[in-house]
Amino acid sequence: MNILVRFKSFISKVISKISSFINSVFSMKKIKTKLITAFLVPIIFIVMQGAITYVNTASAATERAIHSSIIAMENSGKYIGVILQTIENLSGQY
């Protein structure tokens, strides 16, 4: 949950920066500045999409790794149980 709180604060900061940036764009007079901002706005949105995707993927990968580790430990415990049962059965034969 700490990641989500940090991510929300990051997004709010980015949105405030973008809004101030847009306000400054409308007050621009030079065509060069307008063109640069026109190319930078999509790049900013692509970076934001990448950050969101990274956060989602990182949390999903962590959950999957934890789940796989738990299943592996459970199966190892079952295997050891089978080995011990086999040893117990063989020791009872003699």
Protein backbone atom coordinates (compact mmCIF):
# COMPACT_ATOMS: atom_id res chain seq x y z
CA MET A 1 0.00 0.00 0.00
CA ASN A 2 2.97 2.31 0.58
CA ILE A 3 3.71 2.14 -3.13
CA LEU A 4 0.18 3.23 -3.97
CA VAL A 5 0.40 6.23 -1.64
CA ARG A 6 3.72 7.28 -3.14
CA PHE A 7 2.38 6.74 -6.64
CA LYS A 8 -0.73 8.85 -5.94
CA SER A 9 1.42 11.69 -4.61
CA PHE A 10 3.68 11.36 -7.65
CA ILE A 11 0.69 11.53 -10.02
CA SER A 12 -0.76 14.55 -8.22
CA LYS A 13 2.59 16.34 -8.50
CA VAL A 14 2.81 15.47 -12.20
CA ILE A 15 -0.74 16.70 -12.83
CA SER A 16 -0.04 19.99 -11.05
CA LYS A 17 3.15 20.45 -13.08
CA ILE A 18 1.27 19.66 -16.30
CA SER A 19 -1.50 22.12 -15.48
CA SER A 20 1.00 24.90 -14.78
CA PHE A 21 2.82 23.93 -17.96
CA ILE A 22 -0.40 24.13 -19.99
CA ASN A 23 -1.17 27.54 -18.52
CA SER A 24 2.26 28.76 -19.56
CA VAL A 25 1.79 27.26 -23.05
CA PHE A 26 -1.27 29.39 -23.70
CA SER A 27 0.68 32.52 -22.85
CA MET A 28 3.48 31.71 -25.34
CA LYS A 29 4.03 33.84 -28.40
CA LYS A 30 6.86 32.10 -30.33
CA ILE A 31 6.11 29.25 -32.72
CA LYS A 32 9.30 27.43 -31.65
CA THR A 33 8.09 27.18 -28.07
CA LYS A 34 4.64 26.05 -29.16
CA LEU A 35 6.11 23.30 -31.34
CA ILE A 36 8.39 22.06 -28.58
CA THR A 37 5.50 21.88 -26.14
CA ALA A 38 3.31 20.17 -28.74
CA PHE A 39 5.90 17.40 -29.03
CA LEU A 40 6.58 17.19 -25.30
CA VAL A 41 2.96 16.73 -24.18
CA PRO A 42 2.55 13.25 -25.78
CA ILE A 43 5.95 12.25 -24.43
CA ILE A 44 4.84 13.21 -20.92
CA PHE A 45 1.71 11.07 -21.28
CA ILE A 46 3.77 8.14 -22.57
CA VAL A 47 6.10 8.41 -19.58
CA MET A 48 3.10 8.51 -17.23
CA GLN A 49 1.65 5.42 -18.89
CA GLY A 50 5.00 3.67 -18.52
CA ALA A 51 5.15 4.53 -14.82
CA ILE A 52 1.62 3.23 -14.24
CA THR A 53 2.38 0.04 -16.15
CA TYR A 54 5.61 -0.47 -14.20
CA VAL A 55 3.85 -0.14 -10.84
CA ASN A 56 1.10 -2.56 -11.86
CA THR A 57 3.53 -5.09 -13.31
CA ALA A 58 5.88 -4.92 -10.34
CA SER A 59 3.08 -5.61 -7.87
CA ALA A 60 1.68 -8.44 -10.00
CA ALA A 61 5.13 -10.01 -10.38
CA THR A 62 5.74 -9.82 -6.63
CA GLU A 63 2.40 -11.44 -5.86
CA ARG A 64 3.05 -14.20 -8.39
CA ALA A 65 6.53 -14.87 -7.02
CA ILE A 66 5.19 -15.13 -3.47
CA HIS A 67 2.40 -17.46 -4.59
CA SER A 68 4.81 -19.67 -6.55
CA SER A 69 7.21 -19.86 -3.59
CA ILE A 70 4.41 -20.92 -1.26
CA ILE A 71 3.27 -23.63 -3.68
CA ALA A 72 6.86 -24.85 -4.10
CA MET A 73 7.32 -25.10 -0.32
CA GLU A 74 4.02 -26.95 0.09
CA ASN A 75 4.96 -29.44 -2.63
CA SER A 76 8.42 -29.93 -1.11
CA GLY A 77 6.77 -30.67 2.23
CA LYS A 78 4.47 -33.21 0.58
CA TYR A 79 7.44 -34.85 -1.15
CA ILE A 80 9.38 -35.12 2.10
CA GLY A 81 6.26 -36.61 3.70
CA VAL A 82 6.08 -39.26 0.97
CA ILE A 83 9.78 -40.08 1.38
CA LEU A 84 9.40 -40.44 5.16
CA GLN A 85 6.31 -42.61 4.71
CA THR A 86 8.23 -44.83 2.28
CA ILE A 87 11.11 -45.13 4.75
CA GLU A 88 8.66 -45.97 7.52
CA ASN A 89 6.98 -48.63 5.39
CA LEU A 90 10.33 -50.15 4.42
CA SER A 91 11.58 -50.19 8.00
CA GLY A 92 8.41 -51.99 9.10
CA GLN A 93 9.08 -54.83 6.63
CA TYR A 94 12.30 -55.98 8.29
